[in-house]
Amino acid sequence: MFNRRKSIKGSIDQQKKGFFLKEEISNYLIHLGQKRTDLQLDITQIVEKLKFPTRTVEELEKGNVCFVQYPLNYFFSRQYAYLVGAEFPNHFNMQSFKKRGR
């Protein structure tokens, strides 16, 4: 019984950790959009350089972690960050961008 409780608690802790990491990623993506604005780059310039659809860039800048399917959302975020000169956090690994089941 003790092991089961410990397992359930560990599972809940992982879910909380995943939720807060998603929040952090979302805030980071919004920050990238602000950085683009600060650099006076237009979305069309980003689209042209990265070859992303305009809607993808707009969703990314809204903090939508699932703006495209996994794992493309991870790679697009990294590319976007690089383009605007932002450091991509080391703890944002590819699995962090995976949609969690309910």
PDB file of N, CA and C in Angstrom:
ATOM      1  N   MET A   1       0.820  -1.191   0.000  1.00  0.00           N
ATOM      2  CA  MET A   1       0.000   0.000   0.000  1.00  0.00           C
ATOM      3  C   MET A   1       0.866   1.257   0.000  1.00  0.00           C
ATOM      4  N   PHE A   2       1.928   1.261   0.791  1.00  0.00           N
ATOM      5  CA  PHE A   2       2.817   2.414   0.861  1.00  0.00           C
ATOM      6  C   PHE A   2       3.440   2.708  -0.508  1.00  0.00           C
ATOM      7  N   ASN A   3       3.898   1.674  -1.192  1.00  0.00           N
ATOM      8  CA  ASN A   3       4.516   1.869  -2.505  1.00  0.00           C
ATOM      9  C   ASN A   3       3.532   2.451  -3.509  1.00  0.00           C
ATOM     10  N   ARG A   4       2.286   2.002  -3.430  1.00  0.00           N
ATOM     11  CA  ARG A   4       1.262   2.537  -4.337  1.00  0.00           C
ATOM     12  C   ARG A   4       1.037   4.030  -4.074  1.00  0.00           C
ATOM     13  N   ARG A   5       0.950   4.411  -2.793  1.00  0.00           N
ATOM     14  CA  ARG A   5       0.778   5.833  -2.451  1.00  0.00           C
ATOM     15  C   ARG A   5       1.954   6.656  -2.954  1.00  0.00           C
ATOM     16  N   LYS A   6       3.124   6.135  -2.761  1.00  0.00           N
ATOM     17  CA  LYS A   6       4.331   6.830  -3.198  1.00  0.00           C
ATOM     18  C   LYS A   6       4.319   6.986  -4.721  1.00  0.00           C
ATOM     19  N   SER A   7       3.877   5.935  -5.410  1.00  0.00           N
ATOM     20  CA  SER A   7       3.796   5.965  -6.865  1.00  0.00           C
ATOM     21  C   SER A   7       2.775   6.996  -7.338  1.00  0.00           C
ATOM     22  N   ILE A   8       1.622   7.040  -6.690  1.00  0.00           N
ATOM     23  CA  ILE A   8       0.581   8.007  -7.055  1.00  0.00           C
ATOM     24  C   ILE A   8       1.077   9.420  -6.789  1.00  0.00           C
ATOM     25  N   LYS A   9       1.712   9.639  -5.624  1.00  0.00           N
ATOM     26  CA  LYS A   9       2.240  10.961  -5.302  1.00  0.00           C
ATOM     27  C   LYS A   9       3.289  11.376  -6.333  1.00  0.00           C
ATOM     28  N   GLY A  10       4.154  10.445  -6.728  1.00  0.00           N
ATOM     29  CA  GLY A  10       5.163  10.746  -7.741  1.00  0.00           C
ATOM     30  C   GLY A  10       4.532  11.122  -9.064  1.00  0.00           C
ATOM     31  N   SER A  11       3.450  10.440  -9.407  1.00  0.00           N
ATOM     32  CA  SER A  11       2.737  10.727 -10.648  1.00  0.00           C
ATOM     33  C   SER A  11       2.112  12.116 -10.609  1.00  0.00           C
ATOM     34  N   ILE A  12       1.519  12.459  -9.477  1.00  0.00           N
ATOM     35  CA  ILE A  12       0.908  13.784  -9.318  1.00  0.00           C
ATOM     36  C   ILE A  12       1.981  14.864  -9.368  1.00  0.00           C
ATOM     37  N   ASP A  13       3.106  14.626  -8.713  1.00  0.00           N
ATOM     38  CA  ASP A  13       4.213  15.587  -8.747  1.00  0.00           C
ATOM     39  C   ASP A  13       4.700  15.799 -10.177  1.00  0.00           C
ATOM     40  N   GLN A  14       4.786  14.729 -10.955  1.00  0.00           N
ATOM     41  CA  GLN A  14       5.212  14.838 -12.354  1.00  0.00           C
ATOM     42  C   GLN A  14       4.215  15.665 -13.153  1.00  0.00           C
ATOM     43  N   GLN A  15       2.914  15.462 -12.903  1.00  0.00           N
ATOM     44  CA  GLN A  15       1.895  16.229 -13.615  1.00  0.00           C
ATOM     45  C   GLN A  15       2.006  17.710 -13.268  1.00  0.00           C
ATOM     46  N   LYS A  16       2.196  18.017 -11.987  1.00  0.00           N
ATOM     47  CA  LYS A  16       2.361  19.410 -11.572  1.00  0.00           C
ATOM     48  C   LYS A  16       3.593  20.012 -12.227  1.00  0.00           C
ATOM     49  N   LYS A  17       4.673  19.255 -12.198  1.00  0.00           N
ATOM     50  CA  LYS A  17       5.920  19.723 -12.792  1.00  0.00           C
ATOM     51  C   LYS A  17       5.717  19.992 -14.284  1.00  0.00           C
ATOM     52  N   GLY A  18       5.026  19.078 -14.967  1.00  0.00           N
ATOM     53  CA  GLY A  18       4.743  19.253 -16.387  1.00  0.00           C
ATOM     54  C   GLY A  18       3.875  20.463 -16.652  1.00  0.00           C
ATOM     55  N   PHE A  19       2.876  20.697 -15.791  1.00  0.00           N
ATOM     56  CA  PHE A  19       1.992  21.848 -15.947  1.00  0.00           C
ATOM     57  C   PHE A  19       2.781  23.146 -15.810  1.00  0.00           C
ATOM     58  N   PHE A  20       3.588  23.235 -14.773  1.00  0.00           N
ATOM     59  CA  PHE A  20       4.351  24.467 -14.562  1.00  0.00           C
ATOM     60  C   PHE A  20       5.403  24.670 -15.650  1.00  0.00           C
ATOM     61  N   LEU A  21       5.961  23.603 -16.168  1.00  0.00           N
ATOM     62  CA  LEU A  21       6.915  23.724 -17.260  1.00  0.00           C
ATOM     63  C   LEU A  21       6.209  24.234 -18.513  1.00  0.00           C
ATOM     64  N   LYS A  22       4.998  23.748 -18.771  1.00  0.00           N
ATOM     65  CA  LYS A  22       4.222  24.241 -19.917  1.00  0.00           C
ATOM     66  C   LYS A  22       3.939  25.733 -19.762  1.00  0.00           C
ATOM     67  N   GLU A  23       3.611  26.147 -18.536  1.00  0.00           N
ATOM     68  CA  GLU A  23       3.386  27.577 -18.258  1.00  0.00           C
ATOM     69  C   GLU A  23       4.660  28.371 -18.543  1.00  0.00           C
ATOM     70  N   GLU A  24       5.779  27.838 -18.122  1.00  0.00           N
ATOM     71  CA  GLU A  24       7.058  28.510 -18.332  1.00  0.00           C
ATOM     72  C   GLU A  24       7.381  28.607 -19.822  1.00  0.00           C
ATOM     73  N   ILE A  25       7.133  27.529 -20.556  1.00  0.00           N
ATOM     74  CA  ILE A  25       7.372  27.538 -22.005  1.00  0.00           C
ATOM     75  C   ILE A  25       6.461  28.560 -22.665  1.00  0.00           C
ATOM     76  N   SER A  26       5.197  28.569 -22.280  1.00  0.00           N
ATOM     77  CA  SER A  26       4.239  29.512 -22.841  1.00  0.00           C
ATOM     78  C   SER A  26       4.698  30.954 -22.611  1.00  0.00           C
ATOM     79  N   ASN A  27       5.112  31.264 -21.398  1.00  0.00           N
ATOM     80  CA  ASN A  27       5.610  32.610 -21.084  1.00  0.00           C
ATOM     81  C   ASN A  27       6.865  32.937 -21.892  1.00  0.00           C
ATOM     82  N   TYR A  28       7.712  31.945 -22.084  1.00  0.00           N
ATOM     83  CA  TYR A  28       8.931  32.141 -22.867  1.00  0.00           C
ATOM     84  C   TYR A  28       8.586  32.469 -24.327  1.00  0.00           C
ATOM     85  N   LEU A  29       7.614  31.759 -24.886  1.00  0.00           N
ATOM     86  CA  LEU A  29       7.211  32.005 -26.272  1.00  0.00           C
ATOM     87  C   LEU A  29       6.649  33.418 -26.428  1.00  0.00           C
ATOM     88  N   ILE A  30       5.859  33.851 -25.451  1.00  0.00           N
ATOM     89  CA  ILE A  30       5.339  35.223 -25.465  1.00  0.00           C
ATOM     90  C   ILE A  30       6.505  36.216 -25.410  1.00  0.00           C
ATOM     91  N   HIS A  31       7.503  35.897 -24.586  1.00  0.00           N
ATOM     92  CA  HIS A  31       8.700  36.743 -24.476  1.00  0.00           C
ATOM     93  C   HIS A  31       9.413  36.848 -25.828  1.00  0.00           C
ATOM     94  N   LEU A  32       9.461  35.753 -26.584  1.00  0.00           N
ATOM     95  CA  LEU A  32      10.108  35.792 -27.902  1.00  0.00           C
ATOM     96  C   LEU A  32       9.393  36.775 -28.829  1.00  0.00           C
ATOM     97  N   GLY A  33       8.068  36.776 -28.767  1.00  0.00           N
ATOM     98  CA  GLY A  33       7.299  37.729 -29.573  1.00  0.00           C
ATOM     99  C   GLY A  33       7.611  39.166 -29.180  1.00  0.00           C
ATOM    100  N   GLN A  34       7.758  39.410 -27.890  1.00  0.00           N
ATOM    101  CA  GLN A  34       8.104  40.749 -27.418  1.00  0.00           C
ATOM    102  C   GLN A  34       9.507  41.135 -27.870  1.00  0.00           C
ATOM    103  N   LYS A  35      10.405  40.170 -27.834  1.00  0.00           N
ATOM    104  CA  LYS A  35      11.785  40.424 -28.271  1.00  0.00           C
ATOM    105  C   LYS A  35      11.807  40.795 -29.763  1.00  0.00           C
ATOM    106  N   ARG A  36      10.988  40.092 -30.558  1.00  0.00           N
ATOM    107  CA  ARG A  36      10.892  40.412 -31.989  1.00  0.00           C
ATOM    108  C   ARG A  36      10.422  41.850 -32.165  1.00  0.00           C
ATOM    109  N   THR A  37       9.411  42.229 -31.405  1.00  0.00           N
ATOM    110  CA  THR A  37       8.878  43.589 -31.474  1.00  0.00           C
ATOM    111  C   THR A  37       9.952  44.601 -31.064  1.00  0.00           C
ATOM    112  N   ASP A  38      10.670  44.308 -29.998  1.00  0.00           N
ATOM    113  CA  ASP A  38      11.736  45.200 -29.531  1.00  0.00           C
ATOM    114  C   ASP A  38      12.819  45.387 -30.588  1.00  0.00           C
ATOM    115  N   LEU A  39      13.073  44.319 -31.352  1.00  0.00           N
ATOM    116  CA  LEU A  39      14.077  44.387 -32.422  1.00  0.00           C
ATOM    117  C   LEU A  39      13.517  45.033 -33.688  1.00  0.00           C
ATOM    118  N   GLN A  40      12.246  45.415 -33.633  1.00  0.00           N
ATOM    119  CA  GLN A  40      11.544  46.027 -34.760  1.00  0.00           C
ATOM    120  C   GLN A  40      11.537  45.128 -35.993  1.00  0.00           C
ATOM    121  N   LEU A  41      11.367  43.832 -35.729  1.00  0.00           N
ATOM    122  CA  LEU A  41      11.213  42.873 -36.822  1.00  0.00           C
ATOM    123  C   LEU A  41       9.730  42.632 -37.043  1.00  0.00           C
ATOM    124  N   ASP A  42       9.325  42.649 -38.272  1.00  0.00           N
ATOM    125  CA  ASP A  42       7.934  42.386 -38.623  1.00  0.00           C
ATOM    126  C   ASP A  42       7.730  40.876 -38.746  1.00  0.00           C
ATOM    127  N   ILE A  43       6.517  40.420 -38.500  1.00  0.00           N
ATOM    128  CA  ILE A  43       6.226  38.985 -38.626  1.00  0.00           C
ATOM    129  C   ILE A  43       6.567  38.489 -40.030  1.00  0.00           C
ATOM    130  N   THR A  44       6.335  39.316 -41.032  1.00  0.00           N
ATOM    131  CA  THR A  44       6.639  38.889 -42.406  1.00  0.00           C
ATOM    132  C   THR A  44       8.133  38.608 -42.578  1.00  0.00           C
ATOM    133  N   GLN A  45       8.981  39.338 -41.872  1.00  0.00           N
ATOM    134  CA  GLN A  45      10.423  39.070 -41.926  1.00  0.00           C
ATOM    135  C   GLN A  45      10.752  37.717 -41.306  1.00  0.00           C
ATOM    136  N   ILE A  46      10.084  37.403 -40.207  1.00  0.00           N
ATOM    137  CA  ILE A  46      10.296  36.114 -39.544  1.00  0.00           C
ATOM    138  C   ILE A  46       9.839  34.987 -40.456  1.00  0.00           C
ATOM    139  N   VAL A  47       8.654  35.143 -41.027  1.00  0.00           N
ATOM    140  CA  VAL A  47       8.084  34.135 -41.924  1.00  0.00           C
ATOM    141  C   VAL A  47       9.018  33.902 -43.105  1.00  0.00           C
ATOM    142  N   GLU A  48       9.538  34.978 -43.653  1.00  0.00           N
ATOM    143  CA  GLU A  48      10.428  34.890 -44.806  1.00  0.00           C
ATOM    144  C   GLU A  48      11.726  34.160 -44.465  1.00  0.00           C
ATOM    145  N   LYS A  49      12.305  34.493 -43.321  1.00  0.00           N
ATOM    146  CA  LYS A  49      13.592  33.887 -42.946  1.00  0.00           C
ATOM    147  C   LYS A  49      13.456  32.437 -42.502  1.00  0.00           C
ATOM    148  N   LEU A  50      12.413  32.139 -41.730  1.00  0.00           N
ATOM    149  CA  LEU A  50      12.269  30.788 -41.185  1.00  0.00           C
ATOM    150  C   LEU A  50      11.391  29.870 -42.028  1.00  0.00           C
ATOM    151  N   LYS A  51      10.673  30.463 -42.976  1.00  0.00           N
ATOM    152  CA  LYS A  51       9.769  29.686 -43.832  1.00  0.00           C
ATOM    153  C   LYS A  51       8.652  29.020 -43.028  1.00  0.00           C
ATOM    154  N   PHE A  52       8.202  29.692 -41.960  1.00  0.00           N
ATOM    155  CA  PHE A  52       7.057  29.231 -41.178  1.00  0.00           C
ATOM    156  C   PHE A  52       5.819  29.917 -41.731  1.00  0.00           C
ATOM    157  N   PRO A  53       4.663  29.265 -41.646  1.00  0.00           N
ATOM    158  CA  PRO A  53       3.420  29.974 -41.985  1.00  0.00           C
ATOM    159  C   PRO A  53       3.185  31.119 -40.989  1.00  0.00           C
ATOM    160  N   THR A  54       2.561  32.184 -41.452  1.00  0.00           N
ATOM    161  CA  THR A  54       2.281  33.336 -40.600  1.00  0.00           C
ATOM    162  C   THR A  54       1.499  32.921 -39.362  1.00  0.00           C
ATOM    163  N   ARG A  55       0.513  32.076 -39.544  1.00  0.00           N
ATOM    164  CA  ARG A  55      -0.312  31.650 -38.408  1.00  0.00           C
ATOM    165  C   ARG A  55       0.532  30.932 -37.344  1.00  0.00           C
ATOM    166  N   THR A  56       1.516  30.165 -37.777  1.00  0.00           N
ATOM    167  CA  THR A  56       2.387  29.460 -36.834  1.00  0.00           C
ATOM    168  C   THR A  56       3.129  30.455 -35.957  1.00  0.00           C
ATOM    169  N   VAL A  57       3.662  31.494 -36.563  1.00  0.00           N
ATOM    170  CA  VAL A  57       4.395  32.512 -35.801  1.00  0.00           C
ATOM    171  C   VAL A  57       3.444  33.244 -34.851  1.00  0.00           C
ATOM    172  N   GLU A  58       2.265  33.558 -35.323  1.00  0.00           N
ATOM    173  CA  GLU A  58       1.293  34.253 -34.473  1.00  0.00           C
ATOM    174  C   GLU A  58       0.902  33.402 -33.258  1.00  0.00           C
ATOM    175  N   GLU A  59       0.654  32.115 -33.472  1.00  0.00           N
ATOM    176  CA  GLU A  59       0.292  31.218 -32.372  1.00  0.00           C
ATOM    177  C   GLU A  59       1.455  31.044 -31.402  1.00  0.00           C
ATOM    178  N   LEU A  60       2.654  30.911 -31.928  1.00  0.00           N
ATOM    179  CA  LEU A  60       3.847  30.786 -31.093  1.00  0.00           C
ATOM    180  C   LEU A  60       3.956  32.005 -30.178  1.00  0.00           C
ATOM    181  N   GLU A  61       3.782  33.191 -30.748  1.00  0.00           N
ATOM    182  CA  GLU A  61       3.910  34.431 -29.975  1.00  0.00           C
ATOM    183  C   GLU A  61       2.783  34.628 -28.961  1.00  0.00           C
ATOM    184  N   LYS A  62       1.695  33.905 -29.108  1.00  0.00           N
ATOM    185  CA  LYS A  62       0.606  33.951 -28.121  1.00  0.00           C
ATOM    186  C   LYS A  62       0.901  33.021 -26.950  1.00  0.00           C
ATOM    187  N   GLY A  63       1.981  32.251 -27.072  1.00  0.00           N
ATOM    188  CA  GLY A  63       2.330  31.327 -25.997  1.00  0.00           C
ATOM    189  C   GLY A  63       1.668  29.971 -26.126  1.00  0.00           C
ATOM    190  N   ASN A  64       1.120  29.688 -27.285  1.00  0.00           N
ATOM    191  CA  ASN A  64       0.463  28.415 -27.535  1.00  0.00           C
ATOM    192  C   ASN A  64       1.525  27.340 -27.750  1.00  0.00           C
ATOM    193  N   VAL A  65       1.717  26.487 -26.773  1.00  0.00           N
ATOM    194  CA  VAL A  65       2.755  25.453 -26.844  1.00  0.00           C
ATOM    195  C   VAL A  65       2.467  24.454 -27.966  1.00  0.00           C
ATOM    196  N   CYS A  66       1.211  24.264 -28.278  1.00  0.00           N
ATOM    197  CA  CYS A  66       0.824  23.298 -29.318  1.00  0.00           C
ATOM    198  C   CYS A  66       0.497  24.006 -30.629  1.00  0.00           C
ATOM    199  N   PHE A  67       1.284  25.004 -30.995  1.00  0.00           N
ATOM    200  CA  PHE A  67       1.013  25.768 -32.217  1.00  0.00           C
ATOM    201  C   PHE A  67       1.211  24.943 -33.474  1.00  0.00           C
ATOM    202  N   VAL A  68       2.020  23.909 -33.398  1.00  0.00           N
ATOM    203  CA  VAL A  68       2.154  22.882 -34.443  1.00  0.00           C
ATOM    204  C   VAL A  68       2.375  21.562 -33.720  1.00  0.00           C
ATOM    205  N   GLN A  69       2.318  20.480 -34.468  1.00  0.00           N
ATOM    206  CA  GLN A  69       2.445  19.169 -33.827  1.00  0.00           C
ATOM    207  C   GLN A  69       3.850  18.941 -33.282  1.00  0.00           C
ATOM    208  N   TYR A  70       3.911  18.107 -32.263  1.00  0.00           N
ATOM    209  CA  TYR A  70       5.163  17.675 -31.650  1.00  0.00           C
ATOM    210  C   TYR A  70       5.874  16.755 -32.633  1.00  0.00           C
ATOM    211  N   PRO A  71       7.156  16.811 -32.792  1.00  0.00           N
ATOM    212  CA  PRO A  71       8.198  17.623 -32.158  1.00  0.00           C
ATOM    213  C   PRO A  71       8.519  18.909 -32.905  1.00  0.00           C
ATOM    214  N   LEU A  72       7.750  19.219 -33.948  1.00  0.00           N
ATOM    215  CA  LEU A  72       8.027  20.440 -34.698  1.00  0.00           C
ATOM    216  C   LEU A  72       7.920  21.686 -33.817  1.00  0.00           C
ATOM    217  N   ASN A  73       6.996  21.667 -32.834  1.00  0.00           N
ATOM    218  CA  ASN A  73       6.856  22.828 -31.953  1.00  0.00           C
ATOM    219  C   ASN A  73       8.161  23.121 -31.210  1.00  0.00           C
ATOM    220  N   TYR A  74       8.873  22.076 -30.838  1.00  0.00           N
ATOM    221  CA  TYR A  74      10.164  22.237 -30.156  1.00  0.00           C
ATOM    222  C   TYR A  74      11.196  22.864 -31.098  1.00  0.00           C
ATOM    223  N   PHE A  75      11.319  22.287 -32.286  1.00  0.00           N
ATOM    224  CA  PHE A  75      12.325  22.768 -33.239  1.00  0.00           C
ATOM    225  C   PHE A  75      12.003  24.174 -33.737  1.00  0.00           C
ATOM    226  N   PHE A  76      10.736  24.462 -33.989  1.00  0.00           N
ATOM    227  CA  PHE A  76      10.348  25.804 -34.415  1.00  0.00           C
ATOM    228  C   PHE A  76      10.673  26.826 -33.327  1.00  0.00           C
ATOM    229  N   SER A  77      10.398  26.484 -32.083  1.00  0.00           N
ATOM    230  CA  SER A  77      10.680  27.396 -30.973  1.00  0.00           C
ATOM    231  C   SER A  77      12.171  27.689 -30.875  1.00  0.00           C
ATOM    232  N   ARG A  78      12.973  26.652 -31.018  1.00  0.00           N
ATOM    233  CA  ARG A  78      14.438  26.844 -30.970  1.00  0.00           C
ATOM    234  C   ARG A  78      14.908  27.738 -32.109  1.00  0.00           C
ATOM    235  N   GLN A  79      14.406  27.490 -33.310  1.00  0.00           N
ATOM    236  CA  GLN A  79      14.808  28.290 -34.475  1.00  0.00           C
ATOM    237  C   GLN A  79      14.399  29.751 -34.296  1.00  0.00           C
ATOM    238  N   TYR A  80      13.195  29.951 -33.832  1.00  0.00           N
ATOM    239  CA  TYR A  80      12.687  31.305 -33.617  1.00  0.00           C
ATOM    240  C   TYR A  80      13.549  32.026 -32.585  1.00  0.00           C
ATOM    241  N   ALA A  81      13.835  31.349 -31.489  1.00  0.00           N
ATOM    242  CA  ALA A  81      14.672  31.953 -30.441  1.00  0.00           C
ATOM    243  C   ALA A  81      16.032  32.350 -30.998  1.00  0.00           C
ATOM    244  N   TYR A  82      16.626  31.467 -31.765  1.00  0.00           N
ATOM    245  CA  TYR A  82      17.931  31.751 -32.363  1.00  0.00           C
ATOM    246  C   TYR A  82      17.853  32.988 -33.269  1.00  0.00           C
ATOM    247  N   LEU A  83      16.792  33.070 -34.055  1.00  0.00           N
ATOM    248  CA  LEU A  83      16.650  34.191 -34.989  1.00  0.00           C
ATOM    249  C   LEU A  83      16.561  35.535 -34.262  1.00  0.00           C
ATOM    250  N   VAL A  84      15.853  35.579 -33.141  1.00  0.00           N
ATOM    251  CA  VAL A  84      15.721  36.851 -32.413  1.00  0.00           C
ATOM    252  C   VAL A  84      16.832  37.048 -31.385  1.00  0.00           C
ATOM    253  N   GLY A  85      17.787  36.131 -31.346  1.00  0.00           N
ATOM    254  CA  GLY A  85      18.940  36.282 -30.466  1.00  0.00           C
ATOM    255  C   GLY A  85      18.670  35.951 -29.013  1.00  0.00           C
ATOM    256  N   ALA A  86      17.670  35.128 -28.760  1.00  0.00           N
ATOM    257  CA  ALA A  86      17.349  34.734 -27.384  1.00  0.00           C
ATOM    258  C   ALA A  86      17.995  33.391 -27.066  1.00  0.00           C
ATOM    259  N   GLU A  87      18.421  33.249 -25.834  1.00  0.00           N
ATOM    260  CA  GLU A  87      18.983  31.974 -25.392  1.00  0.00           C
ATOM    261  C   GLU A  87      17.837  31.000 -25.133  1.00  0.00           C
ATOM    262  N   PHE A  88      17.945  29.797 -25.662  1.00  0.00           N
ATOM    263  CA  PHE A  88      16.910  28.776 -25.454  1.00  0.00           C
ATOM    264  C   PHE A  88      17.253  28.020 -24.184  1.00  0.00           C
ATOM    265  N   PRO A  89      16.351  28.021 -23.195  1.00  0.00           N
ATOM    266  CA  PRO A  89      16.636  27.382 -21.900  1.00  0.00           C
ATOM    267  C   PRO A  89      17.007  25.904 -22.026  1.00  0.00           C
ATOM    268  N   ASN A  90      18.059  25.506 -21.334  1.00  0.00           N
ATOM    269  CA  ASN A  90      18.534  24.122 -21.375  1.00  0.00           C
ATOM    270  C   ASN A  90      17.508  23.129 -20.862  1.00  0.00           C
ATOM    271  N   HIS A  91      16.686  23.546 -19.895  1.00  0.00           N
ATOM    272  CA  HIS A  91      15.718  22.609 -19.323  1.00  0.00           C
ATOM    273  C   HIS A  91      14.465  22.449 -20.189  1.00  0.00           C
ATOM    274  N   PHE A  92      14.374  23.176 -21.294  1.00  0.00           N
ATOM    275  CA  PHE A  92      13.293  22.959 -22.256  1.00  0.00           C
ATOM    276  C   PHE A  92      13.755  21.864 -23.214  1.00  0.00           C
ATOM    277  N   ASN A  93      13.528  20.630 -22.833  1.00  0.00           N
ATOM    278  CA  ASN A  93      13.910  19.551 -23.737  1.00  0.00           C
ATOM    279  C   ASN A  93      12.736  19.206 -24.648  1.00  0.00           C
ATOM    280  N   MET A  94      12.992  18.364 -25.622  1.00  0.00           N
ATOM    281  CA  MET A  94      11.981  18.030 -26.604  1.00  0.00           C
ATOM    282  C   MET A  94      10.717  17.464 -25.958  1.00  0.00           C
ATOM    283  N   GLN A  95      10.871  16.624 -24.945  1.00  0.00           N
ATOM    284  CA  GLN A  95       9.725  16.018 -24.270  1.00  0.00           C
ATOM    285  C   GLN A  95       8.835  17.066 -23.601  1.00  0.00           C
ATOM    286  N   SER A  96       9.411  18.199 -23.234  1.00  0.00           N
ATOM    287  CA  SER A  96       8.642  19.269 -22.595  1.00  0.00           C
ATOM    288  C   SER A  96       7.544  19.797 -23.508  1.00  0.00           C
ATOM    289  N   PHE A  97       7.721  19.644 -24.812  1.00  0.00           N
ATOM    290  CA  PHE A  97       6.791  20.176 -25.789  1.00  0.00           C
ATOM    291  C   PHE A  97       5.734  19.154 -26.220  1.00  0.00           C
ATOM    292  N   LYS A  98       5.828  17.954 -25.652  1.00  0.00           N
ATOM    293  CA  LYS A  98       4.886  16.896 -25.995  1.00  0.00           C
ATOM    294  C   LYS A  98       3.561  17.133 -25.287  1.00  0.00           C
ATOM    295  N   LYS A  99       2.481  16.990 -26.019  1.00  0.00           N
ATOM    296  CA  LYS A  99       1.143  17.173 -25.438  1.00  0.00           C
ATOM    297  C   LYS A  99       0.863  16.014 -24.494  1.00  0.00           C
ATOM    298  N   ARG A 100       0.426  16.342 -23.308  1.00  0.00           N
ATOM    299  CA  ARG A 100       0.099  15.334 -22.296  1.00  0.00           C
ATOM    300  C   ARG A 100      -1.319  14.849 -22.479  1.00  0.00           C
ATOM    301  N   GLY A 101      -1.505  13.545 -22.256  1.00  0.00           N
ATOM    302  CA  GLY A 101      -2.849  12.971 -22.303  1.00  0.00           C
ATOM    303  C   GLY A 101      -3.651  13.394 -21.096  1.00  0.00           C
ATOM    304  N   ARG A 102      -4.940  13.221 -21.165  1.00  0.00           N
ATOM    305  CA  ARG A 102      -5.799  13.623 -20.043  1.00  0.00           C
ATOM    306  C   ARG A 102      -5.990  12.520 -19.085  1.00  0.00           C
TER     307      ARG A 102
END
